[in-house]
Each structure stands twice: as structure tokens, then as C-alpha cells.
């Protein structure tokens, strides 16, 4: 299982595509299931110095 959270409120994208990566190797069958997309609360940007 893998969990990834983009915590950069300025550079992160609020919409777009989701990509998955398959590592190099011999021919294989790859299947994905049970993707969970969770809406996170809006976080105010950190004050700049």
C-alpha cells in the first residue's frame, strides 16, 4: 500500500490526471483496483517571510 500527500499548497494541482508507474522488466500483466481518492480540507498557505 502507498499513501502520497502533496503538502505544497502553492504548487500542487487541485485537478488533473492521476498516473501510475510500472517499473521496467519482463512483459507482465498489471492490474489496479480499489483506488481511494480523498478530498482534503483546504489549507491556507504558510505566511512568507
C-alpha atoms as a PDB file:
ATOM      1  CA  UNK A   1       0.000   0.000   0.000  1.00  0.00           C
ATOM      2  CA  UNK A   2       1.198   3.504  -0.767  1.00  0.00           C
ATOM      3  CA  UNK A   3      -0.072   6.847   0.519  1.00  0.00           C
ATOM      4  CA  UNK A   4       1.058  10.109  -1.049  1.00  0.00           C
ATOM      5  CA  UNK A   5       0.002  13.584   0.110  1.00  0.00           C
ATOM      6  CA  UNK A   6       1.183  16.721  -1.691  1.00  0.00           C
ATOM      7  CA  UNK A   7       1.616  19.242   1.120  1.00  0.00           C
ATOM      8  CA  UNK A   8       2.743  22.139  -1.097  1.00  0.00           C
ATOM      9  CA  UNK A   9      -0.338  24.419  -1.128  1.00  0.00           C
ATOM     10  CA  UNK A  10       1.171  26.756  -3.730  1.00  0.00           C
ATOM     11  CA  UNK A  11       2.496  24.304  -6.351  1.00  0.00           C
ATOM     12  CA  UNK A  12       0.078  21.368  -6.005  1.00  0.00           C
ATOM     13  CA  UNK A  13      -2.644  20.897  -8.573  1.00  0.00           C
ATOM     14  CA  UNK A  14      -6.276  20.782  -7.472  1.00  0.00           C
ATOM     15  CA  UNK A  15      -7.351  18.878 -10.588  1.00  0.00           C
ATOM     16  CA  UNK A  16      -5.816  16.820 -13.351  1.00  0.00           C
ATOM     17  CA  UNK A  17      -4.833  13.269 -14.160  1.00  0.00           C
ATOM     18  CA  UNK A  18      -3.537  10.505 -11.939  1.00  0.00           C
ATOM     19  CA  UNK A  19      -0.641   8.493 -13.309  1.00  0.00           C
ATOM     20  CA  UNK A  20       0.641   5.141 -12.139  1.00  0.00           C
ATOM     21  CA  UNK A  21       4.108   3.830 -12.897  1.00  0.00           C
ATOM     22  CA  UNK A  22       5.171   0.358 -13.960  1.00  0.00           C
ATOM     23  CA  UNK A  23       8.836  -0.474 -13.451  1.00  0.00           C
ATOM     24  CA  UNK A  24      10.985  -1.848 -16.261  1.00  0.00           C
ATOM     25  CA  UNK A  25      11.138  -5.605 -16.501  1.00  0.00           C
ATOM     26  CA  UNK A  26       9.913  -8.573 -18.485  1.00  0.00           C
ATOM     27  CA  UNK A  27       6.455  -8.453 -20.094  1.00  0.00           C
ATOM     28  CA  UNK A  28       3.795  -8.543 -17.400  1.00  0.00           C
ATOM     29  CA  UNK A  29       0.138  -8.035 -16.759  1.00  0.00           C
ATOM     30  CA  UNK A  30      -0.634  -5.082 -14.492  1.00  0.00           C
ATOM     31  CA  UNK A  31      -3.976  -4.559 -12.802  1.00  0.00           C
ATOM     32  CA  UNK A  32      -5.087  -1.802 -10.441  1.00  0.00           C
ATOM     33  CA  UNK A  33      -8.112  -1.762  -8.217  1.00  0.00           C
ATOM     34  CA  UNK A  34      -9.581  -0.024  -5.206  1.00  0.00           C
ATOM     35  CA  UNK A  35      -8.138   3.430  -5.803  1.00  0.00           C
ATOM     36  CA  UNK A  36      -9.270   5.714  -2.990  1.00  0.00           C
ATOM     37  CA  UNK A  37      -9.418   9.434  -3.679  1.00  0.00           C
ATOM     38  CA  UNK A  38      -9.972  11.548  -0.619  1.00  0.00           C
ATOM     39  CA  UNK A  39     -10.916  15.234  -0.662  1.00  0.00           C
ATOM     40  CA  UNK A  40      -8.689  17.042   1.799  1.00  0.00           C
ATOM     41  CA  UNK A  41      -9.594  20.276   3.565  1.00  0.00           C
ATOM     42  CA  UNK A  42      -8.256  23.500   2.103  1.00  0.00           C
ATOM     43  CA  UNK A  43      -5.134  24.631   3.930  1.00  0.00           C
ATOM     44  CA  UNK A  44      -4.159  28.311   3.941  1.00  0.00           C
ATOM     45  CA  UNK A  45      -0.677  28.943   2.569  1.00  0.00           C
ATOM     46  CA  UNK A  46       2.055  29.492   5.131  1.00  0.00           C
ATOM     47  CA  UNK A  47       2.967  33.146   5.660  1.00  0.00           C
ATOM     48  CA  UNK A  48       6.012  34.257   3.683  1.00  0.00           C
ATOM     49  CA  UNK A  49       8.971  35.779   5.469  1.00  0.00           C
END
